[in-house]
N, C-alpha and C. Protein backbone atom coordinates (compact mmCIF):
# COMPACT_ATOMS: atom_id res chain seq x y z
N UNK A 1 128.97 22.87 63.21
CA UNK A 1 129.48 23.15 64.54
C UNK A 1 128.61 24.17 65.27
N UNK A 2 128.16 25.18 64.50
CA UNK A 2 127.31 26.19 65.13
C UNK A 2 125.97 25.60 65.56
N UNK A 3 125.46 24.63 64.80
CA UNK A 3 124.20 24.00 65.18
C UNK A 3 124.36 23.20 66.47
N UNK A 4 125.50 22.56 66.65
CA UNK A 4 125.76 21.81 67.88
C UNK A 4 125.85 22.78 69.06
N UNK A 5 126.54 23.90 68.85
CA UNK A 5 126.63 24.90 69.93
C UNK A 5 125.25 25.45 70.27
N UNK A 6 124.41 25.67 69.26
CA UNK A 6 123.06 26.15 69.52
C UNK A 6 122.27 25.13 70.32
N UNK A 7 122.43 23.85 70.01
CA UNK A 7 121.73 22.81 70.76
C UNK A 7 122.19 22.79 72.21
N UNK A 8 123.47 22.98 72.45
CA UNK A 8 123.99 23.01 73.81
C UNK A 8 123.43 24.22 74.57
N UNK A 9 123.39 25.37 73.91
CA UNK A 9 122.85 26.57 74.56
C UNK A 9 121.38 26.39 74.88
N UNK A 10 120.62 25.81 73.93
CA UNK A 10 119.20 25.57 74.19
C UNK A 10 119.00 24.57 75.32
N UNK A 11 119.85 23.55 75.39
CA UNK A 11 119.75 22.60 76.50
C UNK A 11 120.05 23.24 77.84
N UNK A 12 121.05 24.11 77.85
CA UNK A 12 121.39 24.82 79.08
C UNK A 12 120.26 25.76 79.49
N UNK A 13 119.64 26.43 78.50
CA UNK A 13 118.51 27.32 78.80
C UNK A 13 117.33 26.53 79.34
N UNK A 14 117.11 25.33 78.80
CA UNK A 14 116.02 24.50 79.30
C UNK A 14 116.28 24.07 80.74
N UNK A 15 117.51 23.69 81.05
CA UNK A 15 117.84 23.32 82.43
C UNK A 15 117.66 24.49 83.38
N UNK A 16 118.07 25.69 82.95
CA UNK A 16 117.86 26.87 83.79
C UNK A 16 116.38 27.11 84.05
N UNK A 17 115.58 26.92 83.01
CA UNK A 17 114.15 27.14 83.17
C UNK A 17 113.52 26.08 84.07
N UNK A 18 113.93 24.84 83.92
CA UNK A 18 113.36 23.78 84.74
C UNK A 18 113.79 23.88 86.20
N UNK A 19 115.04 24.27 86.44
CA UNK A 19 115.53 24.40 87.81
C UNK A 19 115.15 25.73 88.44
N UNK A 20 114.68 26.67 87.62
CA UNK A 20 114.27 28.00 88.08
C UNK A 20 115.39 28.68 88.88
N UNK A 21 116.56 28.74 88.27
CA UNK A 21 117.71 29.37 88.91
C UNK A 21 118.39 30.32 87.92
N UNK A 22 119.26 31.19 88.44
CA UNK A 22 119.99 32.10 87.57
C UNK A 22 121.48 32.12 87.90
N UNK A 23 121.94 31.26 88.79
CA UNK A 23 123.35 31.13 89.18
C UNK A 23 123.94 32.44 89.69
N UNK A 24 123.13 33.28 90.31
CA UNK A 24 123.64 34.52 90.90
C UNK A 24 123.90 35.63 89.92
N UNK A 25 123.63 35.43 88.65
CA UNK A 25 123.85 36.48 87.64
C UNK A 25 122.59 36.60 86.78
N UNK A 26 121.57 37.28 87.30
CA UNK A 26 120.28 37.30 86.59
C UNK A 26 120.33 37.96 85.23
N UNK A 27 121.24 38.92 85.02
CA UNK A 27 121.31 39.58 83.72
C UNK A 27 122.11 38.79 82.70
N UNK A 28 122.97 37.91 83.14
CA UNK A 28 123.82 37.16 82.21
C UNK A 28 123.23 35.81 81.86
N UNK A 29 122.73 35.08 82.82
CA UNK A 29 122.25 33.72 82.60
C UNK A 29 120.73 33.61 82.70
N UNK A 30 119.99 34.56 82.15
CA UNK A 30 118.55 34.38 82.19
C UNK A 30 118.09 33.61 80.95
N UNK A 31 116.87 33.14 80.99
CA UNK A 31 116.35 32.26 79.96
C UNK A 31 116.26 32.96 78.61
N UNK A 32 115.82 34.22 78.62
CA UNK A 32 115.65 34.95 77.36
C UNK A 32 116.99 35.18 76.66
N UNK A 33 118.01 35.52 77.40
CA UNK A 33 119.32 35.77 76.80
C UNK A 33 119.87 34.50 76.16
N UNK A 34 119.75 33.37 76.84
CA UNK A 34 120.27 32.12 76.28
C UNK A 34 119.49 31.69 75.04
N UNK A 35 118.20 31.92 75.02
CA UNK A 35 117.41 31.59 73.83
C UNK A 35 117.83 32.47 72.67
N UNK A 36 118.08 33.75 72.92
CA UNK A 36 118.53 34.63 71.85
C UNK A 36 119.91 34.24 71.33
N UNK A 37 120.80 33.82 72.21
CA UNK A 37 122.12 33.35 71.76
C UNK A 37 121.97 32.08 70.91
N UNK A 38 121.11 31.18 71.34
CA UNK A 38 120.87 29.97 70.55
C UNK A 38 120.28 30.27 69.18
N UNK A 39 119.34 31.21 69.13
CA UNK A 39 118.77 31.59 67.85
C UNK A 39 119.80 32.27 66.95
N UNK A 40 120.68 33.07 67.54
CA UNK A 40 121.75 33.69 66.76
C UNK A 40 122.67 32.63 66.16
N UNK A 41 123.04 31.62 66.95
CA UNK A 41 123.89 30.56 66.43
C UNK A 41 123.21 29.78 65.32
N UNK A 42 121.92 29.51 65.47
CA UNK A 42 121.19 28.82 64.41
C UNK A 42 121.09 29.68 63.15
N UNK A 43 120.88 30.97 63.32
CA UNK A 43 120.80 31.85 62.16
C UNK A 43 122.14 31.91 61.43
N UNK A 44 123.24 31.96 62.17
CA UNK A 44 124.55 31.96 61.54
C UNK A 44 124.81 30.65 60.81
N UNK A 45 124.37 29.55 61.40
CA UNK A 45 124.53 28.24 60.76
C UNK A 45 123.74 28.18 59.46
N UNK A 46 122.49 28.64 59.50
CA UNK A 46 121.66 28.60 58.30
C UNK A 46 122.13 29.59 57.24
N UNK A 47 122.82 30.65 57.65
CA UNK A 47 123.35 31.61 56.70
C UNK A 47 124.62 31.12 56.03
N UNK A 48 125.18 30.03 56.51
CA UNK A 48 126.36 29.46 55.88
C UNK A 48 127.67 29.85 56.53
N UNK A 49 127.61 30.47 57.69
CA UNK A 49 128.85 30.82 58.40
C UNK A 49 129.39 29.56 59.06
N UNK A 50 130.69 29.36 58.96
CA UNK A 50 131.29 28.17 59.55
C UNK A 50 131.17 26.97 58.64
N UNK A 51 131.50 25.81 59.15
CA UNK A 51 131.46 24.60 58.36
C UNK A 51 130.08 23.97 58.46
N UNK A 52 129.53 23.66 57.31
CA UNK A 52 128.22 23.03 57.27
C UNK A 52 128.33 21.53 57.41
N UNK A 53 127.22 20.85 57.22
CA UNK A 53 127.22 19.39 57.37
C UNK A 53 128.06 18.68 56.33
N UNK A 54 128.36 19.31 55.20
CA UNK A 54 129.15 18.68 54.15
C UNK A 54 130.65 18.73 54.42
N UNK A 55 131.07 19.46 55.41
CA UNK A 55 132.49 19.56 55.71
C UNK A 55 133.19 20.66 54.93
N UNK A 56 132.49 21.31 54.04
CA UNK A 56 133.05 22.43 53.28
C UNK A 56 134.01 21.98 52.19
N UNK A 57 133.95 22.67 51.06
CA UNK A 57 134.87 22.41 49.95
C UNK A 57 134.71 21.03 49.36
N UNK A 58 135.63 20.72 48.46
CA UNK A 58 135.63 19.38 47.86
C UNK A 58 134.62 19.23 46.74
N UNK A 59 134.50 18.01 46.25
CA UNK A 59 133.56 17.73 45.17
C UNK A 59 132.14 17.75 45.68
N UNK A 60 131.26 18.34 44.92
CA UNK A 60 129.87 18.37 45.32
C UNK A 60 129.03 17.37 44.55
N UNK A 61 129.64 16.66 43.64
CA UNK A 61 128.92 15.66 42.87
C UNK A 61 129.60 14.31 43.04
N UNK A 62 128.88 13.26 42.73
CA UNK A 62 129.42 11.90 42.84
C UNK A 62 129.42 11.26 41.46
N UNK A 63 130.29 10.36 41.24
CA UNK A 63 130.31 9.63 39.98
C UNK A 63 131.05 10.37 38.89
N UNK A 64 130.58 10.22 37.66
CA UNK A 64 131.24 10.83 36.52
C UNK A 64 131.03 12.33 36.51
N UNK A 65 131.98 13.04 35.94
CA UNK A 65 131.88 14.49 35.86
C UNK A 65 130.81 14.88 34.85
N UNK A 66 130.00 15.86 35.19
CA UNK A 66 128.96 16.27 34.25
C UNK A 66 129.55 16.92 33.01
N UNK A 67 128.93 16.64 31.87
CA UNK A 67 129.38 17.22 30.62
C UNK A 67 130.51 16.47 29.95
N UNK A 68 130.94 15.38 30.52
CA UNK A 68 132.01 14.57 29.91
C UNK A 68 131.39 13.32 29.31
N UNK A 69 131.43 13.19 28.03
CA UNK A 69 130.80 12.06 27.34
C UNK A 69 131.45 10.81 27.59
């Protein structure tokens, strides 16, 4: 989920950069701030915060249980 949010933030930052606008709030919606927020979200995702691609919990192996003859 955090990776999806980071992608949205990066897309929004790219649109701001391409349109060369700041929506009247230069300190809040500038390109550098949005890139840093996106990098923070990616770092949290890679650190394991939130639900990862596996959906969290559950069995991590498939098939027969290891160590059972």
